[in-house]
Amino acid sequence: MQYLGTGRRKSAVARVFLRPGSGKIRINSQAPEEYFPTPTLKSKVRQPLLASETDGKFDTWVKVHGGGKSGQADAVRLGIARALQNYNAELRPLLKKGGYLTRDPRKHERKKYGKPGARKRFQYSKR
């Protein structure tokens, strides 16, 4: 038995597979401690599992690509929450209350022509 969930954040996409097991987490065939550089990002991945009290019940296998490490961590968190929702629909109010099922819509804003960035202007020179 396997439960699927897809998470996205900025330009990162995470495919999450939950299988009943002992609680191992593998992200791109690595442990979260190896894959994510900071303790904050490592803990972000476990948040939905801890909130739903299913931390030791599932082996989590994740394939993530695109974006940076912060966006990838948020994408993995959303994917795990969606997979848990597929496992048991009664967990939805708990995950929703924690904010784990909300997809963050903020994306990178494109550079505009005639400007050095998305919103920045070139320096004004009076003389």
C-alpha atoms as a PDB file:
ATOM      1  CA  MET A   1       0.000   0.000   0.000  1.00  0.00           C
ATOM      2  CA  GLN A   2       1.326   3.414  -0.950  1.00  0.00           C
ATOM      3  CA  TYR A   3      -0.011   6.963  -0.601  1.00  0.00           C
ATOM      4  CA  LEU A   4       1.024   9.739  -2.978  1.00  0.00           C
ATOM      5  CA  GLY A   5       1.275  13.492  -2.529  1.00  0.00           C
ATOM      6  CA  THR A   6       2.661  16.300  -4.679  1.00  0.00           C
ATOM      7  CA  GLY A   7       4.011  19.511  -3.189  1.00  0.00           C
ATOM      8  CA  ARG A   8       5.107  22.687  -4.939  1.00  0.00           C
ATOM      9  CA  ARG A   9       6.752  25.900  -3.745  1.00  0.00           C
ATOM     10  CA  LYS A  10       8.377  28.582  -5.916  1.00  0.00           C
ATOM     11  CA  SER A  11       9.844  26.440  -8.713  1.00  0.00           C
ATOM     12  CA  ALA A  12      10.433  23.330  -6.576  1.00  0.00           C
ATOM     13  CA  VAL A  13       8.337  20.187  -7.097  1.00  0.00           C
ATOM     14  CA  ALA A  14       8.290  17.253  -4.669  1.00  0.00           C
ATOM     15  CA  ARG A  15       6.743  13.828  -5.287  1.00  0.00           C
ATOM     16  CA  VAL A  16       6.101  12.082  -1.975  1.00  0.00           C
ATOM     17  CA  PHE A  17       5.410   8.374  -1.443  1.00  0.00           C
ATOM     18  CA  LEU A  18       4.249   7.165   1.982  1.00  0.00           C
ATOM     19  CA  ARG A  19       4.484   3.452   2.728  1.00  0.00           C
ATOM     20  CA  PRO A  20       3.693   1.769   6.059  1.00  0.00           C
ATOM     21  CA  GLY A  21       6.994   1.182   7.829  1.00  0.00           C
ATOM     22  CA  SER A  22       9.343   2.249  10.593  1.00  0.00           C
ATOM     23  CA  GLY A  23       9.574   6.024  10.025  1.00  0.00           C
ATOM     24  CA  LYS A  24      12.548   6.341   7.647  1.00  0.00           C
ATOM     25  CA  ILE A  25      12.660   9.453   5.450  1.00  0.00           C
ATOM     26  CA  ARG A  26      14.699   9.514   2.215  1.00  0.00           C
ATOM     27  CA  ILE A  27      14.957  12.633   0.064  1.00  0.00           C
ATOM     28  CA  ASN A  28      16.582  12.008  -3.325  1.00  0.00           C
ATOM     29  CA  SER A  29      18.095   8.826  -1.800  1.00  0.00           C
ATOM     30  CA  GLN A  30      19.626  10.786   1.087  1.00  0.00           C
ATOM     31  CA  ALA A  31      18.686  11.296   4.716  1.00  0.00           C
ATOM     32  CA  PRO A  32      17.105  14.711   5.473  1.00  0.00           C
ATOM     33  CA  GLU A  33      20.123  15.521   7.673  1.00  0.00           C
ATOM     34  CA  GLU A  34      22.399  15.141   4.649  1.00  0.00           C
ATOM     35  CA  TYR A  35      20.131  16.779   2.071  1.00  0.00           C
ATOM     36  CA  PHE A  36      19.028  19.943   3.917  1.00  0.00           C
ATOM     37  CA  PRO A  37      21.822  22.162   5.261  1.00  0.00           C
ATOM     38  CA  THR A  38      20.052  23.878   8.202  1.00  0.00           C
ATOM     39  CA  PRO A  39      18.178  22.512  11.236  1.00  0.00           C
ATOM     40  CA  THR A  40      15.132  24.646  10.347  1.00  0.00           C
ATOM     41  CA  LEU A  41      14.716  22.974   6.963  1.00  0.00           C
ATOM     42  CA  LYS A  42      15.233  19.520   8.479  1.00  0.00           C
ATOM     43  CA  SER A  43      12.500  20.090  11.055  1.00  0.00           C
ATOM     44  CA  LYS A  44      10.116  21.554   8.453  1.00  0.00           C
ATOM     45  CA  VAL A  45       9.949  18.191   6.695  1.00  0.00           C
ATOM     46  CA  ARG A  46       8.711  16.366   9.830  1.00  0.00           C
ATOM     47  CA  GLN A  47       6.059  18.928  10.854  1.00  0.00           C
ATOM     48  CA  PRO A  48       2.999  17.279   9.219  1.00  0.00           C
ATOM     49  CA  LEU A  49       4.009  13.857  10.562  1.00  0.00           C
ATOM     50  CA  LEU A  50       4.420  15.198  14.097  1.00  0.00           C
ATOM     51  CA  ALA A  51       1.160  17.183  13.944  1.00  0.00           C
ATOM     52  CA  SER A  52      -0.825  14.129  12.826  1.00  0.00           C
ATOM     53  CA  GLU A  53       1.030  11.800  15.269  1.00  0.00           C
ATOM     54  CA  THR A  54       2.060   9.439  12.446  1.00  0.00           C
ATOM     55  CA  ASP A  55       5.827  10.009  12.787  1.00  0.00           C
ATOM     56  CA  GLY A  56       6.908   6.387  13.238  1.00  0.00           C
ATOM     57  CA  LYS A  57       4.227   4.739  11.122  1.00  0.00           C
ATOM     58  CA  PHE A  58       5.390   5.508   7.571  1.00  0.00           C
ATOM     59  CA  ASP A  59       8.528   5.252   5.480  1.00  0.00           C
ATOM     60  CA  THR A  60       8.680   8.405   3.376  1.00  0.00           C
ATOM     61  CA  TRP A  61      10.356   8.407  -0.027  1.00  0.00           C
ATOM     62  CA  VAL A  62      10.682  11.794  -1.774  1.00  0.00           C
ATOM     63  CA  LYS A  63      11.888  12.892  -5.209  1.00  0.00           C
ATOM     64  CA  VAL A  64      12.354  16.660  -5.327  1.00  0.00           C
ATOM     65  CA  HIS A  65      13.789  18.931  -8.006  1.00  0.00           C
ATOM     66  CA  GLY A  66      13.898  22.599  -8.992  1.00  0.00           C
ATOM     67  CA  GLY A  67      14.345  25.731  -6.912  1.00  0.00           C
ATOM     68  CA  GLY A  68      16.555  26.097  -3.871  1.00  0.00           C
ATOM     69  CA  LYS A  69      16.717  24.204  -0.604  1.00  0.00           C
ATOM     70  CA  SER A  70      14.145  26.400   1.186  1.00  0.00           C
ATOM     71  CA  GLY A  71      11.553  26.018  -1.557  1.00  0.00           C
ATOM     72  CA  GLN A  72      12.253  22.299  -1.725  1.00  0.00           C
ATOM     73  CA  ALA A  73      11.711  21.896   2.030  1.00  0.00           C
ATOM     74  CA  ASP A  74       8.332  23.655   1.792  1.00  0.00           C
ATOM     75  CA  ALA A  75       7.395  21.538  -1.224  1.00  0.00           C
ATOM     76  CA  VAL A  76       8.263  18.335   0.660  1.00  0.00           C
ATOM     77  CA  ARG A  77       6.205  19.482   3.666  1.00  0.00           C
ATOM     78  CA  LEU A  78       3.148  20.137   1.460  1.00  0.00           C
ATOM     79  CA  GLY A  79       3.606  16.804  -0.329  1.00  0.00           C
ATOM     80  CA  ILE A  80       3.775  14.876   2.943  1.00  0.00           C
ATOM     81  CA  ALA A  81       0.648  16.636   4.221  1.00  0.00           C
ATOM     82  CA  ARG A  82      -1.256  15.796   1.028  1.00  0.00           C
ATOM     83  CA  ALA A  83      -0.126  12.165   1.171  1.00  0.00           C
ATOM     84  CA  LEU A  84      -1.295  11.930   4.804  1.00  0.00           C
ATOM     85  CA  GLN A  85      -4.648  13.349   3.724  1.00  0.00           C
ATOM     86  CA  ASN A  86      -4.876  10.600   1.082  1.00  0.00           C
ATOM     87  CA  TYR A  87      -4.099   8.042   3.789  1.00  0.00           C
ATOM     88  CA  ASN A  88      -6.803   9.284   6.165  1.00  0.00           C
ATOM     89  CA  ALA A  89      -9.297  12.057   5.314  1.00  0.00           C
ATOM     90  CA  GLU A  90      -9.985  12.581   9.032  1.00  0.00           C
ATOM     91  CA  LEU A  91      -6.514  14.156   9.387  1.00  0.00           C
ATOM     92  CA  ARG A  92      -7.515  17.026   7.055  1.00  0.00           C
ATOM     93  CA  PRO A  93      -8.860  19.442   9.750  1.00  0.00           C
ATOM     94  CA  LEU A  94      -5.731  18.885  11.854  1.00  0.00           C
ATOM     95  CA  LEU A  95      -3.370  19.492   8.905  1.00  0.00           C
ATOM     96  CA  LYS A  96      -5.421  22.447   7.662  1.00  0.00           C
ATOM     97  CA  LYS A  97      -5.339  24.095  11.096  1.00  0.00           C
ATOM     98  CA  GLY A  98      -1.551  23.787  11.171  1.00  0.00           C
ATOM     99  CA  GLY A  99      -1.320  25.381   7.713  1.00  0.00           C
ATOM    100  CA  TYR A 100       0.322  22.351   6.118  1.00  0.00           C
ATOM    101  CA  LEU A 101      -2.204  21.982   3.277  1.00  0.00           C
ATOM    102  CA  THR A 102      -1.927  25.597   2.082  1.00  0.00           C
ATOM    103  CA  ARG A 103       0.156  26.052  -1.048  1.00  0.00           C
ATOM    104  CA  ASP A 104       2.261  29.221  -0.851  1.00  0.00           C
ATOM    105  CA  PRO A 105       1.456  31.098  -4.105  1.00  0.00           C
ATOM    106  CA  ARG A 106       4.461  33.452  -4.027  1.00  0.00           C
ATOM    107  CA  LYS A 107       6.760  32.966  -6.993  1.00  0.00           C
ATOM    108  CA  HIS A 108       9.801  34.642  -8.468  1.00  0.00           C
ATOM    109  CA  GLU A 109       8.816  37.809 -10.319  1.00  0.00           C
ATOM    110  CA  ARG A 110      10.255  38.136 -13.784  1.00  0.00           C
ATOM    111  CA  LYS A 111      12.706  40.851 -14.798  1.00  0.00           C
ATOM    112  CA  LYS A 112      11.114  43.718 -16.724  1.00  0.00           C
ATOM    113  CA  TYR A 113      12.692  45.391 -19.750  1.00  0.00           C
ATOM    114  CA  GLY A 114      14.337  48.764 -19.147  1.00  0.00           C
ATOM    115  CA  LYS A 115      15.077  47.856 -15.521  1.00  0.00           C
ATOM    116  CA  PRO A 116      17.913  45.974 -13.817  1.00  0.00           C
ATOM    117  CA  GLY A 117      15.493  43.613 -12.019  1.00  0.00           C
ATOM    118  CA  ALA A 118      11.814  42.994 -11.445  1.00  0.00           C
ATOM    119  CA  ARG A 119      11.142  46.288  -9.665  1.00  0.00           C
ATOM    120  CA  LYS A 120      14.476  48.018  -9.158  1.00  0.00           C
ATOM    121  CA  ARG A 121      15.141  51.177 -11.175  1.00  0.00           C
ATOM    122  CA  PHE A 122      18.448  52.377 -12.565  1.00  0.00           C
ATOM    123  CA  GLN A 123      20.034  55.109 -10.443  1.00  0.00           C
ATOM    124  CA  TYR A 124      18.744  58.599 -11.280  1.00  0.00           C
ATOM    125  CA  SER A 125      21.412  61.153 -12.181  1.00  0.00           C
ATOM    126  CA  LYS A 126      20.429  64.814 -12.213  1.00  0.00           C
ATOM    127  CA  ARG A 127      23.638  66.022 -13.951  1.00  0.00           C
END
